[in-house]
Amino acid sequence: KVRPKNSPADPPPAPDTSVSFSEMLHLIQTGQDIPGLQKLNISATNGSPTPSQMTQKPKPWEAKAGPSGGAGNLNERFSTLEDIQ
């Protein structure tokens, strides 16, 4: 099925927003808006942070020794320096 050009399902053609690097630099230095760039309204909430919802993954040295051959916690495996030697 062929749709006619600019059918209602197609977005309107965007205006030409191409600018050279020097033009963009001048716009930024003078505080002007860059054409075609969406301006977002971002502001601080000044609220307290929310607690994490994810569980923290163990560090490699905190992993228990198991079938994967991990080192595990050395404090559990050796009680004194003599046990290591």
C-alpha atoms as a PDB file:
ATOM      1  CA  LYS A   1       0.000   0.000   0.000  1.00  0.00           C
ATOM      2  CA  VAL A   2       1.418   3.351  -1.009  1.00  0.00           C
ATOM      3  CA  ARG A   3       0.591   6.410   1.078  1.00  0.00           C
ATOM      4  CA  PRO A   4       0.369   9.827  -0.510  1.00  0.00           C
ATOM      5  CA  LYS A   5       3.149  12.228   0.376  1.00  0.00           C
ATOM      6  CA  ASN A   6       2.606  14.029   3.729  1.00  0.00           C
ATOM      7  CA  SER A   7      -0.237  11.747   4.805  1.00  0.00           C
ATOM      8  CA  PRO A   8      -1.609  12.245   8.348  1.00  0.00           C
ATOM      9  CA  ALA A   9       0.560   9.375   9.674  1.00  0.00           C
ATOM     10  CA  ASP A  10       3.777  11.144   8.613  1.00  0.00           C
ATOM     11  CA  PRO A  11       5.301  13.817  10.851  1.00  0.00           C
ATOM     12  CA  PRO A  12       5.545  17.279   9.322  1.00  0.00           C
ATOM     13  CA  PRO A  13       8.875  17.953   7.630  1.00  0.00           C
ATOM     14  CA  ALA A  14      11.398  19.514   9.994  1.00  0.00           C
ATOM     15  CA  PRO A  15      12.718  22.959   9.129  1.00  0.00           C
ATOM     16  CA  ASP A  16      16.337  23.144   8.023  1.00  0.00           C
ATOM     17  CA  THR A  17      18.280  23.485  11.264  1.00  0.00           C
ATOM     18  CA  SER A  18      21.787  22.855   9.988  1.00  0.00           C
ATOM     19  CA  VAL A  19      24.333  25.360  11.249  1.00  0.00           C
ATOM     20  CA  SER A  20      28.072  25.410  10.849  1.00  0.00           C
ATOM     21  CA  PHE A  21      30.410  24.875  13.767  1.00  0.00           C
ATOM     22  CA  SER A  22      31.339  28.546  13.885  1.00  0.00           C
ATOM     23  CA  GLU A  23      27.670  29.576  13.837  1.00  0.00           C
ATOM     24  CA  MET A  24      26.890  27.150  16.662  1.00  0.00           C
ATOM     25  CA  LEU A  25      29.865  28.418  18.653  1.00  0.00           C
ATOM     26  CA  HIS A  26      28.644  31.994  18.217  1.00  0.00           C
ATOM     27  CA  LEU A  27      25.107  31.021  19.313  1.00  0.00           C
ATOM     28  CA  ILE A  28      26.452  29.322  22.446  1.00  0.00           C
ATOM     29  CA  GLN A  29      28.795  32.190  23.324  1.00  0.00           C
ATOM     30  CA  THR A  30      26.006  34.757  22.972  1.00  0.00           C
ATOM     31  CA  GLY A  31      23.486  32.637  24.944  1.00  0.00           C
ATOM     32  CA  GLN A  32      21.075  32.184  22.037  1.00  0.00           C
ATOM     33  CA  ASP A  33      18.988  29.074  21.382  1.00  0.00           C
ATOM     34  CA  ILE A  34      20.365  26.544  18.918  1.00  0.00           C
ATOM     35  CA  PRO A  35      17.804  25.837  16.171  1.00  0.00           C
ATOM     36  CA  GLY A  36      16.332  22.337  16.242  1.00  0.00           C
ATOM     37  CA  LEU A  37      17.550  21.607  19.770  1.00  0.00           C
ATOM     38  CA  GLN A  38      14.821  20.697  22.245  1.00  0.00           C
ATOM     39  CA  LYS A  39      15.081  22.817  25.388  1.00  0.00           C
ATOM     40  CA  LEU A  40      14.388  20.798  28.537  1.00  0.00           C
ATOM     41  CA  ASN A  41      13.168  22.304  31.791  1.00  0.00           C
ATOM     42  CA  ILE A  42      15.422  20.582  34.331  1.00  0.00           C
ATOM     43  CA  SER A  43      15.537  21.814  37.890  1.00  0.00           C
ATOM     44  CA  ALA A  44      16.706  20.478  41.232  1.00  0.00           C
ATOM     45  CA  THR A  45      14.077  18.896  43.456  1.00  0.00           C
ATOM     46  CA  ASN A  46      15.856  19.804  46.716  1.00  0.00           C
ATOM     47  CA  GLY A  47      14.270  16.710  48.237  1.00  0.00           C
ATOM     48  CA  SER A  48      15.912  13.890  50.102  1.00  0.00           C
ATOM     49  CA  PRO A  49      17.211  11.054  47.930  1.00  0.00           C
ATOM     50  CA  THR A  50      15.167   7.881  47.676  1.00  0.00           C
ATOM     51  CA  PRO A  51      16.634   4.644  49.032  1.00  0.00           C
ATOM     52  CA  SER A  52      17.980   2.128  46.527  1.00  0.00           C
ATOM     53  CA  GLN A  53      15.517  -0.532  45.392  1.00  0.00           C
ATOM     54  CA  MET A  54      18.149  -2.943  44.056  1.00  0.00           C
ATOM     55  CA  THR A  55      20.219  -5.365  46.089  1.00  0.00           C
ATOM     56  CA  GLN A  56      23.928  -4.700  46.069  1.00  0.00           C
ATOM     57  CA  LYS A  57      25.993  -7.300  44.215  1.00  0.00           C
ATOM     58  CA  PRO A  58      28.830  -8.796  46.281  1.00  0.00           C
ATOM     59  CA  LYS A  59      32.351  -7.767  45.428  1.00  0.00           C
ATOM     60  CA  PRO A  60      34.576 -10.522  43.980  1.00  0.00           C
ATOM     61  CA  TRP A  61      36.454 -10.911  47.268  1.00  0.00           C
ATOM     62  CA  GLU A  62      33.159 -11.121  49.188  1.00  0.00           C
ATOM     63  CA  ALA A  63      31.797 -13.995  47.085  1.00  0.00           C
ATOM     64  CA  LYS A  64      31.588 -17.352  48.838  1.00  0.00           C
ATOM     65  CA  ALA A  65      33.772 -20.185  47.547  1.00  0.00           C
ATOM     66  CA  GLY A  66      31.645 -22.595  45.612  1.00  0.00           C
ATOM     67  CA  PRO A  67      31.580 -24.748  42.509  1.00  0.00           C
ATOM     68  CA  SER A  68      32.850 -21.832  40.460  1.00  0.00           C
ATOM     69  CA  GLY A  69      36.148 -21.991  42.339  1.00  0.00           C
ATOM     70  CA  GLY A  70      35.981 -18.518  43.873  1.00  0.00           C
ATOM     71  CA  ALA A  71      38.447 -17.621  46.606  1.00  0.00           C
ATOM     72  CA  GLY A  72      35.739 -16.876  49.141  1.00  0.00           C
ATOM     73  CA  ASN A  73      36.375 -14.998  52.340  1.00  0.00           C
ATOM     74  CA  LEU A  74      39.974 -15.636  53.407  1.00  0.00           C
ATOM     75  CA  ASN A  75      39.119 -14.927  57.066  1.00  0.00           C
ATOM     76  CA  GLU A  76      36.790 -17.936  57.019  1.00  0.00           C
ATOM     77  CA  ARG A  77      39.351 -20.224  55.338  1.00  0.00           C
ATOM     78  CA  PHE A  78      42.409 -19.338  57.457  1.00  0.00           C
ATOM     79  CA  SER A  79      42.340 -18.415  61.114  1.00  0.00           C
ATOM     80  CA  THR A  80      46.031 -17.483  61.516  1.00  0.00           C
ATOM     81  CA  LEU A  81      49.057 -16.737  59.380  1.00  0.00           C
ATOM     82  CA  GLU A  82      50.469 -20.198  60.212  1.00  0.00           C
ATOM     83  CA  ASP A  83      47.444 -21.839  58.559  1.00  0.00           C
ATOM     84  CA  ILE A  84      48.335 -20.170  55.267  1.00  0.00           C
ATOM     85  CA  GLN A  85      51.905 -21.477  55.218  1.00  0.00           C
END
